[in-house]
């Protein structure tokens, strides 16, 4: 049967759109999620005369044991010679993910480090409809399997020598600078208790640098940390949207109440007349049930902190 010319003309755009969709899916699933990159930013937040401080920000590895390319790439981050590592959570992505985390981060043993947890450090991921993210932040799923977060913490603290900042604060010396750092557990699950921080901070000596570390950058946390005197805010959780419109500054979703144009990279946060830098990592991984990245490469960030 001969097809009418008008019908052929009408089907042509559909064919192009279908081919483009298939190509985008192949790229996002088969290519881009393996294109790990390091993003570099410089911030003038240190006292005058201080030496530069190199802060490696890693987040959202969502590690599964078979993800060897990701493990090898993370292990090479030690070649950047960071002075401090900040890990903003969601390290685990599988019940056996700690095997991969050990392989990935072992090269950073001995480098001072700070960490907070995301919910995926406690709970094994489960399938969910990705379209639900457009309806708002993902909700709590009561049926879940617990991960061995205690074993993860032993590796981070006993083996690597890092400090866990869930609802607490620490003071440490890095390259001759007194650094105060504070953080909270995952605000996305309402596990955060920022009210515990002020008494701890009041007992600490004056610092050359104060870092506010969180997994999920909810506005309430950013406001509180700004009020508490953080010089830099550091967060993860958003995956940068994970799937973005190419060349757009805005993510499609942030999975929290953070403005969409701040869901990835360096920006500023202002509250009550005070403005501080905010770095949100697009993260290194993804849920094993959503193995895709499009226009949003997996990343780590090197923040070079300089004198004011």
C-alpha atoms as a PDB file:
ATOM      1  CA  UNK A   1       0.000   0.000   0.000  1.00  0.00           C
ATOM      2  CA  UNK A   2       1.329   3.439  -0.926  1.00  0.00           C
ATOM      3  CA  UNK A   3       1.647   5.846   1.995  1.00  0.00           C
ATOM      4  CA  UNK A   4       0.189   9.318   1.480  1.00  0.00           C
ATOM      5  CA  UNK A   5       2.916  12.036   1.238  1.00  0.00           C
ATOM      6  CA  UNK A   6       1.320  14.028   4.073  1.00  0.00           C
ATOM      7  CA  UNK A   7       1.430  11.005   6.353  1.00  0.00           C
ATOM      8  CA  UNK A   8       5.093  10.452   5.524  1.00  0.00           C
ATOM      9  CA  UNK A   9       5.872  14.108   6.281  1.00  0.00           C
ATOM     10  CA  UNK A  10       4.035  13.903   9.603  1.00  0.00           C
ATOM     11  CA  UNK A  11       5.898  10.771  10.679  1.00  0.00           C
ATOM     12  CA  UNK A  12       9.328  12.162   9.891  1.00  0.00           C
ATOM     13  CA  UNK A  13       9.573  14.449  12.993  1.00  0.00           C
ATOM     14  CA  UNK A  14       8.396  11.584  15.180  1.00  0.00           C
ATOM     15  CA  UNK A  15      11.161   9.416  13.811  1.00  0.00           C
ATOM     16  CA  UNK A  16      13.758  12.099  14.487  1.00  0.00           C
ATOM     17  CA  UNK A  17      12.454  12.625  18.014  1.00  0.00           C
ATOM     18  CA  UNK A  18      12.462   8.895  18.661  1.00  0.00           C
ATOM     19  CA  UNK A  19      16.019   8.526  17.405  1.00  0.00           C
ATOM     20  CA  UNK A  20      17.126  11.459  19.553  1.00  0.00           C
ATOM     21  CA  UNK A  21      15.495   9.932  22.633  1.00  0.00           C
ATOM     22  CA  UNK A  22      17.178   6.602  22.024  1.00  0.00           C
ATOM     23  CA  UNK A  23      20.523   8.319  21.465  1.00  0.00           C
ATOM     24  CA  UNK A  24      20.163  10.311  24.676  1.00  0.00           C
ATOM     25  CA  UNK A  25      19.308   7.170  26.634  1.00  0.00           C
ATOM     26  CA  UNK A  26      22.281   5.293  25.225  1.00  0.00           C
ATOM     27  CA  UNK A  27      24.575   8.225  26.055  1.00  0.00           C
ATOM     28  CA  UNK A  28      23.210   8.700  29.568  1.00  0.00           C
ATOM     29  CA  UNK A  29      23.242   5.025  30.511  1.00  0.00           C
ATOM     30  CA  UNK A  30      26.228   3.760  28.562  1.00  0.00           C
ATOM     31  CA  UNK A  31      28.649   6.688  28.408  1.00  0.00           C
ATOM     32  CA  UNK A  32      28.187   9.785  30.541  1.00  0.00           C
ATOM     33  CA  UNK A  33      27.749   8.070  33.884  1.00  0.00           C
ATOM     34  CA  UNK A  34      31.348   6.884  33.485  1.00  0.00           C
ATOM     35  CA  UNK A  35      32.766  10.301  32.499  1.00  0.00           C
ATOM     36  CA  UNK A  36      34.055  11.229  35.942  1.00  0.00           C
ATOM     37  CA  UNK A  37      35.458  14.723  36.248  1.00  0.00           C
ATOM     38  CA  UNK A  38      37.066  17.032  38.798  1.00  0.00           C
ATOM     39  CA  UNK A  39      35.666  20.539  39.099  1.00  0.00           C
ATOM     40  CA  UNK A  40      37.952  23.256  40.425  1.00  0.00           C
ATOM     41  CA  UNK A  41      36.954  26.367  42.366  1.00  0.00           C
ATOM     42  CA  UNK A  42      38.972  28.960  44.290  1.00  0.00           C
ATOM     43  CA  UNK A  43      37.581  30.796  47.320  1.00  0.00           C
ATOM     44  CA  UNK A  44      39.144  33.637  49.288  1.00  0.00           C
ATOM     45  CA  UNK A  45      38.081  32.754  52.822  1.00  0.00           C
ATOM     46  CA  UNK A  46      41.346  32.284  54.755  1.00  0.00           C
ATOM     47  CA  UNK A  47      43.136  34.811  56.975  1.00  0.00           C
ATOM     48  CA  UNK A  48      45.670  37.087  55.310  1.00  0.00           C
ATOM     49  CA  UNK A  49      49.036  35.438  54.913  1.00  0.00           C
ATOM     50  CA  UNK A  50      47.722  31.874  55.155  1.00  0.00           C
ATOM     51  CA  UNK A  51      48.953  29.226  52.756  1.00  0.00           C
ATOM     52  CA  UNK A  52      46.392  27.854  50.281  1.00  0.00           C
ATOM     53  CA  UNK A  53      44.310  24.938  51.544  1.00  0.00           C
ATOM     54  CA  UNK A  54      43.200  22.250  49.088  1.00  0.00           C
ATOM     55  CA  UNK A  55      39.839  20.738  50.089  1.00  0.00           C
ATOM     56  CA  UNK A  56      38.630  17.679  48.172  1.00  0.00           C
ATOM     57  CA  UNK A  57      34.836  17.415  48.239  1.00  0.00           C
ATOM     58  CA  UNK A  58      33.386  13.968  47.439  1.00  0.00           C
ATOM     59  CA  UNK A  59      29.756  12.930  47.693  1.00  0.00           C
ATOM     60  CA  UNK A  60      27.082  10.415  46.750  1.00  0.00           C
ATOM     61  CA  UNK A  61      29.250   7.534  45.613  1.00  0.00           C
ATOM     62  CA  UNK A  62      26.242   5.162  45.976  1.00  0.00           C
ATOM     63  CA  UNK A  63      28.800   2.401  45.661  1.00  0.00           C
ATOM     64  CA  UNK A  64      28.035  -1.117  44.485  1.00  0.00           C
ATOM     65  CA  UNK A  65      30.761  -3.775  44.615  1.00  0.00           C
ATOM     66  CA  UNK A  66      30.919  -4.274  40.821  1.00  0.00           C
ATOM     67  CA  UNK A  67      31.540  -0.570  40.036  1.00  0.00           C
ATOM     68  CA  UNK A  68      35.280  -0.964  39.528  1.00  0.00           C
ATOM     69  CA  UNK A  69      35.723   1.977  37.145  1.00  0.00           C
ATOM     70  CA  UNK A  70      34.295   4.326  39.757  1.00  0.00           C
ATOM     71  CA  UNK A  71      36.419   2.804  42.498  1.00  0.00           C
ATOM     72  CA  UNK A  72      39.608   3.163  40.474  1.00  0.00           C
ATOM     73  CA  UNK A  73      38.844   6.751  39.527  1.00  0.00           C
ATOM     74  CA  UNK A  74      38.130   7.759  43.121  1.00  0.00           C
ATOM     75  CA  UNK A  75      41.325   6.083  44.277  1.00  0.00           C
ATOM     76  CA  UNK A  76      43.317   8.337  41.938  1.00  0.00           C
ATOM     77  CA  UNK A  77      41.971  11.492  43.599  1.00  0.00           C
ATOM     78  CA  UNK A  78      44.826  11.156  46.096  1.00  0.00           C
ATOM     79  CA  UNK A  79      47.099  12.280  43.249  1.00  0.00           C
ATOM     80  CA  UNK A  80      45.558  15.760  43.628  1.00  0.00           C
ATOM     81  CA  UNK A  81      47.327  16.030  47.010  1.00  0.00           C
ATOM     82  CA  UNK A  82      44.384  17.341  49.040  1.00  0.00           C
ATOM     83  CA  UNK A  83      45.049  18.830  52.468  1.00  0.00           C
ATOM     84  CA  UNK A  84      41.544  17.964  53.683  1.00  0.00           C
ATOM     85  CA  UNK A  85      38.748  15.695  52.453  1.00  0.00           C
ATOM     86  CA  UNK A  86      35.060  16.464  52.983  1.00  0.00           C
ATOM     87  CA  UNK A  87      32.657  13.588  52.318  1.00  0.00           C
ATOM     88  CA  UNK A  88      28.987  14.606  52.255  1.00  0.00           C
ATOM     89  CA  UNK A  89      27.436  11.164  52.476  1.00  0.00           C
ATOM     90  CA  UNK A  90      25.480   8.509  50.587  1.00  0.00           C
ATOM     91  CA  UNK A  91      28.591   6.401  50.220  1.00  0.00           C
ATOM     92  CA  UNK A  92      26.724   3.102  50.026  1.00  0.00           C
ATOM     93  CA  UNK A  93      24.459   1.962  47.222  1.00  0.00           C
ATOM     94  CA  UNK A  94      24.292  -1.780  47.844  1.00  0.00           C
ATOM     95  CA  UNK A  95      24.415  -4.149  50.806  1.00  0.00           C
ATOM     96  CA  UNK A  96      28.007  -5.010  49.823  1.00  0.00           C
ATOM     97  CA  UNK A  97      28.958  -1.473  48.811  1.00  0.00           C
ATOM     98  CA  UNK A  98      31.493  -1.084  51.610  1.00  0.00           C
ATOM     99  CA  UNK A  99      33.858  -3.382  49.706  1.00  0.00           C
ATOM    100  CA  UNK A 100      34.005  -0.836  46.917  1.00  0.00           C
ATOM    101  CA  UNK A 101      34.241   2.112  49.315  1.00  0.00           C
ATOM    102  CA  UNK A 102      37.279   0.561  50.970  1.00  0.00           C
ATOM    103  CA  UNK A 103      38.953   0.147  47.596  1.00  0.00           C
ATOM    104  CA  UNK A 104      38.028   3.666  46.466  1.00  0.00           C
ATOM    105  CA  UNK A 105      39.096   5.665  49.513  1.00  0.00           C
ATOM    106  CA  UNK A 106      42.040   3.674  50.841  1.00  0.00           C
ATOM    107  CA  UNK A 107      44.476   5.926  48.966  1.00  0.00           C
ATOM    108  CA  UNK A 108      43.309   8.893  51.074  1.00  0.00           C
ATOM    109  CA  UNK A 109      44.281   7.222  54.342  1.00  0.00           C
ATOM    110  CA  UNK A 110      46.112   9.709  56.545  1.00  0.00           C
ATOM    111  CA  UNK A 111      44.666  12.814  54.866  1.00  0.00           C
ATOM    112  CA  UNK A 112      42.514  14.691  57.407  1.00  0.00           C
ATOM    113  CA  UNK A 113      38.871  14.153  56.609  1.00  0.00           C
ATOM    114  CA  UNK A 114      35.323  15.051  57.616  1.00  0.00           C
ATOM    115  CA  UNK A 115      32.133  13.159  56.833  1.00  0.00           C
ATOM    116  CA  UNK A 116      28.375  13.262  57.336  1.00  0.00           C
ATOM    117  CA  UNK A 117      25.799  10.622  56.490  1.00  0.00           C
ATOM    118  CA  UNK A 118      23.039  10.479  53.938  1.00  0.00           C
ATOM    119  CA  UNK A 119      20.087   8.134  54.245  1.00  0.00           C
ATOM    120  CA  UNK A 120      21.631   5.693  51.782  1.00  0.00           C
ATOM    121  CA  UNK A 121      24.436   5.039  54.250  1.00  0.00           C
ATOM    122  CA  UNK A 122      21.756   3.429  56.429  1.00  0.00           C
ATOM    123  CA  UNK A 123      19.206   2.058  53.974  1.00  0.00           C
ATOM    124  CA  UNK A 124      19.560  -0.141  50.918  1.00  0.00           C
ATOM    125  CA  UNK A 125      18.103   1.509  47.785  1.00  0.00           C
ATOM    126  CA  UNK A 126      14.845   0.259  46.337  1.00  0.00           C
ATOM    127  CA  UNK A 127      13.139   0.702  42.966  1.00  0.00           C
ATOM    128  CA  UNK A 128      11.039   3.823  42.573  1.00  0.00           C
ATOM    129  CA  UNK A 129       9.423   5.766  39.751  1.00  0.00           C
ATOM    130  CA  UNK A 130      11.857   8.573  38.779  1.00  0.00           C
ATOM    131  CA  UNK A 131       8.958  10.740  37.593  1.00  0.00           C
ATOM    132  CA  UNK A 132       7.876  11.114  41.229  1.00  0.00           C
ATOM    133  CA  UNK A 133      10.857  13.425  41.805  1.00  0.00           C
ATOM    134  CA  UNK A 134       9.028  16.063  39.771  1.00  0.00           C
ATOM    135  CA  UNK A 135       6.281  16.053  42.415  1.00  0.00           C
ATOM    136  CA  UNK A 136       8.696  17.106  45.170  1.00  0.00           C
ATOM    137  CA  UNK A 137      11.429  15.639  47.385  1.00  0.00           C
ATOM    138  CA  UNK A 138      11.343  11.878  47.660  1.00  0.00           C
ATOM    139  CA  UNK A 139       9.502  10.578  50.696  1.00  0.00           C
ATOM    140  CA  UNK A 140      10.453   8.096  53.360  1.00  0.00           C
ATOM    141  CA  UNK A 141       9.866   4.465  52.481  1.00  0.00           C
ATOM    142  CA  UNK A 142       9.035   2.498  55.642  1.00  0.00           C
ATOM    143  CA  UNK A 143      10.009  -0.840  54.092  1.00  0.00           C
ATOM    144  CA  UNK A 144      13.772  -0.935  53.701  1.00  0.00           C
ATOM    145  CA  UNK A 145      16.785  -3.053  54.516  1.00  0.00           C
ATOM    146  CA  UNK A 146      19.402  -1.676  56.866  1.00  0.00           C
ATOM    147  CA  UNK A 147      23.002  -1.337  55.718  1.00  0.00           C
ATOM    148  CA  UNK A 148      26.011  -1.817  57.973  1.00  0.00           C
ATOM    149  CA  UNK A 149      26.635   1.845  58.730  1.00  0.00           C
ATOM    150  CA  UNK A 150      28.664   0.878  61.802  1.00  0.00           C
ATOM    151  CA  UNK A 151      31.193  -0.917  59.585  1.00  0.00           C
ATOM    152  CA  UNK A 152      31.284   2.109  57.279  1.00  0.00           C
ATOM    153  CA  UNK A 153      31.977   4.371  60.252  1.00  0.00           C
ATOM    154  CA  UNK A 154      34.757   2.137  61.513  1.00  0.00           C
ATOM    155  CA  UNK A 155      36.426   2.363  58.117  1.00  0.00           C
ATOM    156  CA  UNK A 156      36.059   6.155  57.928  1.00  0.00           C
ATOM    157  CA  UNK A 157      37.244   6.819  61.478  1.00  0.00           C
ATOM    158  CA  UNK A 158      39.586   3.985  62.497  1.00  0.00           C
ATOM    159  CA  UNK A 159      41.138   3.247  59.121  1.00  0.00           C
ATOM    160  CA  UNK A 160      41.113   6.598  57.321  1.00  0.00           C
ATOM    161  CA  UNK A 161      41.291   8.750  60.452  1.00  0.00           C
ATOM    162  CA  UNK A 162      38.348  10.983  59.508  1.00  0.00           C
ATOM    163  CA  UNK A 163      35.828  12.651  61.831  1.00  0.00           C
ATOM    164  CA  UNK A 164      32.084  12.090  61.511  1.00  0.00           C
ATOM    165  CA  UNK A 165      30.126  15.319  61.946  1.00  0.00           C
ATOM    166  CA  UNK A 166      26.556  14.091  62.404  1.00  0.00           C
ATOM    167  CA  UNK A 167      25.062  16.686  64.779  1.00  0.00           C
ATOM    168  CA  UNK A 168      28.427  17.534  66.242  1.00  0.00           C
ATOM    169  CA  UNK A 169      31.482  19.741  65.776  1.00  0.00           C
ATOM    170  CA  UNK A 170      35.229  19.202  65.771  1.00  0.00           C
ATOM    171  CA  UNK A 171      38.336  21.346  65.811  1.00  0.00           C
ATOM    172  CA  UNK A 172      41.444  20.249  63.950  1.00  0.00           C
ATOM    173  CA  UNK A 173      44.682  21.673  62.635  1.00  0.00           C
ATOM    174  CA  UNK A 174      45.332  21.537  58.893  1.00  0.00           C
ATOM    175  CA  UNK A 175      48.514  23.059  57.425  1.00  0.00           C
ATOM    176  CA  UNK A 176      48.972  25.253  60.465  1.00  0.00           C
ATOM    177  CA  UNK A 177      45.379  26.541  60.372  1.00  0.00           C
ATOM    178  CA  UNK A 178      42.823  25.973  63.113  1.00  0.00           C
ATOM    179  CA  UNK A 179      39.715  24.596  61.377  1.00  0.00           C
ATOM    180  CA  UNK A 180      36.351  24.263  63.068  1.00  0.00           C
ATOM    181  CA  UNK A 181      33.845  22.030  61.281  1.00  0.00           C
ATOM    182  CA  UNK A 182      30.282  21.183  62.193  1.00  0.00           C
ATOM    183  CA  UNK A 183      27.560  19.161  60.512  1.00  0.00           C
ATOM    184  CA  UNK A 184      24.249  17.357  60.825  1.00  0.00           C
ATOM    185  CA  UNK A 185      22.780  14.004  59.937  1.00  0.00           C
ATOM    186  CA  UNK A 186      20.535  13.793  56.865  1.00  0.00           C
ATOM    187  CA  UNK A 187      17.975  16.589  56.838  1.00  0.00           C
ATOM    188  CA  UNK A 188      16.161  14.842  53.973  1.00  0.00           C
ATOM    189  CA  UNK A 189      14.941  12.291  56.496  1.00  0.00           C
ATOM    190  CA  UNK A 190      14.567  14.841  59.319  1.00  0.00           C
ATOM    191  CA  UNK A 191      17.383  13.107  61.173  1.00  0.00           C
ATOM    192  CA  UNK A 192      19.219  16.397  61.750  1.00  0.00           C
ATOM    193  CA  UNK A 193      19.556  18.026  65.175  1.00  0.00           C
ATOM    194  CA  UNK A 194      21.190  21.420  64.646  1.00  0.00           C
ATOM    195  CA  UNK A 195      20.107  22.529  68.119  1.00  0.00           C
ATOM    196  CA  UNK A 196      22.975  20.424  69.474  1.00  0.00           C
ATOM    197  CA  UNK A 197      25.623  22.516  67.732  1.00  0.00           C
ATOM    198  CA  UNK A 198      25.661  25.949  69.458  1.00  0.00           C
ATOM    199  CA  UNK A 199      26.780  24.675  72.898  1.00  0.00           C
ATOM    200  CA  UNK A 200      29.602  22.728  71.248  1.00  0.00           C
ATOM    201  CA  UNK A 201      30.762  25.677  69.174  1.00  0.00           C
ATOM    202  CA  UNK A 202      30.698  28.033  72.159  1.00  0.00           C
ATOM    203  CA  UNK A 203      33.296  25.890  73.925  1.00  0.00           C
ATOM    204  CA  UNK A 204      35.722  25.902  70.986  1.00  0.00           C
ATOM    205  CA  UNK A 205      38.617  28.290  70.490  1.00  0.00           C
ATOM    206  CA  UNK A 206      38.517  30.827  67.682  1.00  0.00           C
ATOM    207  CA  UNK A 207      39.163  29.282  64.274  1.00  0.00           C
ATOM    208  CA  UNK A 208      40.933  30.433  61.129  1.00  0.00           C
ATOM    209  CA  UNK A 209      38.295  28.651  59.048  1.00  0.00           C
ATOM    210  CA  UNK A 210      34.816  27.348  59.847  1.00  0.00           C
ATOM    211  CA  UNK A 211      33.135  24.749  57.634  1.00  0.00           C
ATOM    212  CA  UNK A 212      29.455  23.812  57.663  1.00  0.00           C
ATOM    213  CA  UNK A 213      28.986  20.291  56.298  1.00  0.00           C
ATOM    214  CA  UNK A 214      25.672  18.632  55.409  1.00  0.00           C
ATOM    215  CA  UNK A 215      24.324  15.952  53.124  1.00  0.00           C
ATOM    216  CA  UNK A 216      21.039  17.513  51.997  1.00  0.00           C
ATOM    217  CA  UNK A 217      21.129  21.302  51.437  1.00  0.00           C
ATOM    218  CA  UNK A 218      17.711  22.223  52.754  1.00  0.00           C
ATOM    219  CA  UNK A 219      17.139  25.944  53.237  1.00  0.00           C
ATOM    220  CA  UNK A 220      16.634  25.547  56.966  1.00  0.00           C
ATOM    221  CA  UNK A 221      20.060  23.918  57.304  1.00  0.00           C
ATOM    222  CA  UNK A 222      21.779  26.488  55.114  1.00  0.00           C
ATOM    223  CA  UNK A 223      20.204  29.304  57.128  1.00  0.00           C
ATOM    224  CA  UNK A 224      21.213  27.757  60.449  1.00  0.00           C
ATOM    225  CA  UNK A 225      24.781  27.076  59.341  1.00  0.00           C
ATOM    226  CA  UNK A 226      25.135  30.616  58.017  1.00  0.00           C
ATOM    227  CA  UNK A 227      23.943  31.958  61.374  1.00  0.00           C
ATOM    228  CA  UNK A 228      26.423  29.693  63.173  1.00  0.00           C
ATOM    229  CA  UNK A 229      29.313  31.371  61.371  1.00  0.00           C
ATOM    230  CA  UNK A 230      30.288  28.941  58.611  1.00  0.00           C
ATOM    231  CA  UNK A 231      32.785  30.453  56.168  1.00  0.00           C
ATOM    232  CA  UNK A 232      31.956  27.785  53.556  1.00  0.00           C
ATOM    233  CA  UNK A 233      28.882  25.552  53.185  1.00  0.00           C
ATOM    234  CA  UNK A 234      29.457  22.103  51.667  1.00  0.00           C
ATOM    235  CA  UNK A 235      26.681  19.701  50.597  1.00  0.00           C
ATOM    236  CA  UNK A 236      25.696  16.864  48.279  1.00  0.00           C
ATOM    237  CA  UNK A 237      22.433  14.895  47.860  1.00  0.00           C
ATOM    238  CA  UNK A 238      21.058  16.589  44.715  1.00  0.00           C
ATOM    239  CA  UNK A 239      23.120  14.665  42.127  1.00  0.00           C
ATOM    240  CA  UNK A 240      23.000  17.989  40.304  1.00  0.00           C
ATOM    241  CA  UNK A 241      19.588  16.882  39.095  1.00  0.00           C
ATOM    242  CA  UNK A 242      21.274  13.834  37.488  1.00  0.00           C
ATOM    243  CA  UNK A 243      19.400  14.467  34.218  1.00  0.00           C
ATOM    244  CA  UNK A 244      19.604  18.052  32.976  1.00  0.00           C
ATOM    245  CA  UNK A 245      18.774  20.068  29.896  1.00  0.00           C
ATOM    246  CA  UNK A 246      22.126  20.647  28.136  1.00  0.00           C
ATOM    247  CA  UNK A 247      23.636  24.112  28.692  1.00  0.00           C
ATOM    248  CA  UNK A 248      20.956  25.062  31.222  1.00  0.00           C
ATOM    249  CA  UNK A 249      21.976  26.533  34.576  1.00  0.00           C
ATOM    250  CA  UNK A 250      18.952  25.023  36.276  1.00  0.00           C
ATOM    251  CA  UNK A 251      18.442  21.416  37.235  1.00  0.00           C
ATOM    252  CA  UNK A 252      15.092  19.803  36.555  1.00  0.00           C
ATOM    253  CA  UNK A 253      14.870  18.637  40.178  1.00  0.00           C
ATOM    254  CA  UNK A 254      16.956  19.051  43.344  1.00  0.00           C
ATOM    255  CA  UNK A 255      15.161  16.520  45.600  1.00  0.00           C
ATOM    256  CA  UNK A 256      14.970  19.178  48.324  1.00  0.00           C
ATOM    257  CA  UNK A 257      13.874  22.807  48.588  1.00  0.00           C
ATOM    258  CA  UNK A 258      17.152  24.240  47.274  1.00  0.00           C
ATOM    259  CA  UNK A 259      16.660  26.576  44.271  1.00  0.00           C
ATOM    260  CA  UNK A 260      17.179  24.640  41.059  1.00  0.00           C
ATOM    261  CA  UNK A 261      19.939  26.935  39.823  1.00  0.00           C
ATOM    262  CA  UNK A 262      22.006  26.031  42.909  1.00  0.00           C
ATOM    263  CA  UNK A 263      21.634  22.257  42.663  1.00  0.00           C
ATOM    264  CA  UNK A 264      25.169  21.852  41.301  1.00  0.00           C
ATOM    265  CA  UNK A 265      28.443  23.690  41.737  1.00  0.00           C
ATOM    266  CA  UNK A 266      29.562  26.832  43.503  1.00  0.00           C
ATOM    267  CA  UNK A 267      27.102  29.585  44.400  1.00  0.00           C
ATOM    268  CA  UNK A 268      26.334  31.813  47.377  1.00  0.00           C
ATOM    269  CA  UNK A 269      23.856  31.572  50.216  1.00  0.00           C
ATOM    270  CA  UNK A 270      22.550  34.650  51.999  1.00  0.00           C
ATOM    271  CA  UNK A 271      20.643  34.735  55.253  1.00  0.00           C
ATOM    272  CA  UNK A 272      19.996  37.572  57.664  1.00  0.00           C
ATOM    273  CA  UNK A 273      22.467  39.858  55.901  1.00  0.00           C
ATOM    274  CA  UNK A 274      25.349  37.364  55.754  1.00  0.00           C
ATOM    275  CA  UNK A 275      26.529  35.765  52.482  1.00  0.00           C
ATOM    276  CA  UNK A 276      28.808  32.726  52.299  1.00  0.00           C
ATOM    277  CA  UNK A 277      29.975  30.384  49.503  1.00  0.00           C
ATOM    278  CA  UNK A 278      27.980  27.202  48.965  1.00  0.00           C
ATOM    279  CA  UNK A 279      29.346  24.203  47.076  1.00  0.00           C
ATOM    280  CA  UNK A 280      26.878  21.472  46.139  1.00  0.00           C
ATOM    281  CA  UNK A 281      28.443  18.404  44.555  1.00  0.00           C
ATOM    282  CA  UNK A 282      26.635  16.651  41.725  1.00  0.00           C
ATOM    283  CA  UNK A 283      28.095  13.486  43.210  1.00  0.00           C
ATOM    284  CA  UNK A 284      29.959  10.468  41.941  1.00  0.00           C
ATOM    285  CA  UNK A 285      27.194   7.945  41.483  1.00  0.00           C
ATOM    286  CA  UNK A 286      23.521   7.122  41.202  1.00  0.00           C
ATOM    287  CA  UNK A 287      21.051   4.606  42.484  1.00  0.00           C
ATOM    288  CA  UNK A 288      21.571   1.164  40.984  1.00  0.00           C
ATOM    289  CA  UNK A 289      17.894   1.437  39.970  1.00  0.00           C
ATOM    290  CA  UNK A 290      18.479   4.671  38.015  1.00  0.00           C
ATOM    291  CA  UNK A 291      21.798   4.127  36.207  1.00  0.00           C
ATOM    292  CA  UNK A 292      21.835   7.266  34.099  1.00  0.00           C
ATOM    293  CA  UNK A 293      23.508  10.664  33.878  1.00  0.00           C
ATOM    294  CA  UNK A 294      22.690  13.181  31.169  1.00  0.00           C
ATOM    295  CA  UNK A 295      24.283  16.635  30.864  1.00  0.00           C
ATOM    296  CA  UNK A 296      25.434  16.092  34.452  1.00  0.00           C
ATOM    297  CA  UNK A 297      28.728  14.226  34.671  1.00  0.00           C
ATOM    298  CA  UNK A 298      29.692  12.482  37.924  1.00  0.00           C
ATOM    299  CA  UNK A 299      32.153  14.648  39.796  1.00  0.00           C
ATOM    300  CA  UNK A 300      34.404  15.429  42.685  1.00  0.00           C
ATOM    301  CA  UNK A 301      35.382  19.005  43.523  1.00  0.00           C
ATOM    302  CA  UNK A 302      38.706  20.530  44.469  1.00  0.00           C
ATOM    303  CA  UNK A 303      38.177  23.721  46.451  1.00  0.00           C
ATOM    304  CA  UNK A 304      41.328  25.779  46.748  1.00  0.00           C
ATOM    305  CA  UNK A 305      40.913  28.083  49.729  1.00  0.00           C
ATOM    306  CA  UNK A 306      43.010  31.259  49.534  1.00  0.00           C
ATOM    307  CA  UNK A 307      43.677  34.248  51.807  1.00  0.00           C
ATOM    308  CA  UNK A 308      41.179  37.052  51.732  1.00  0.00           C
END
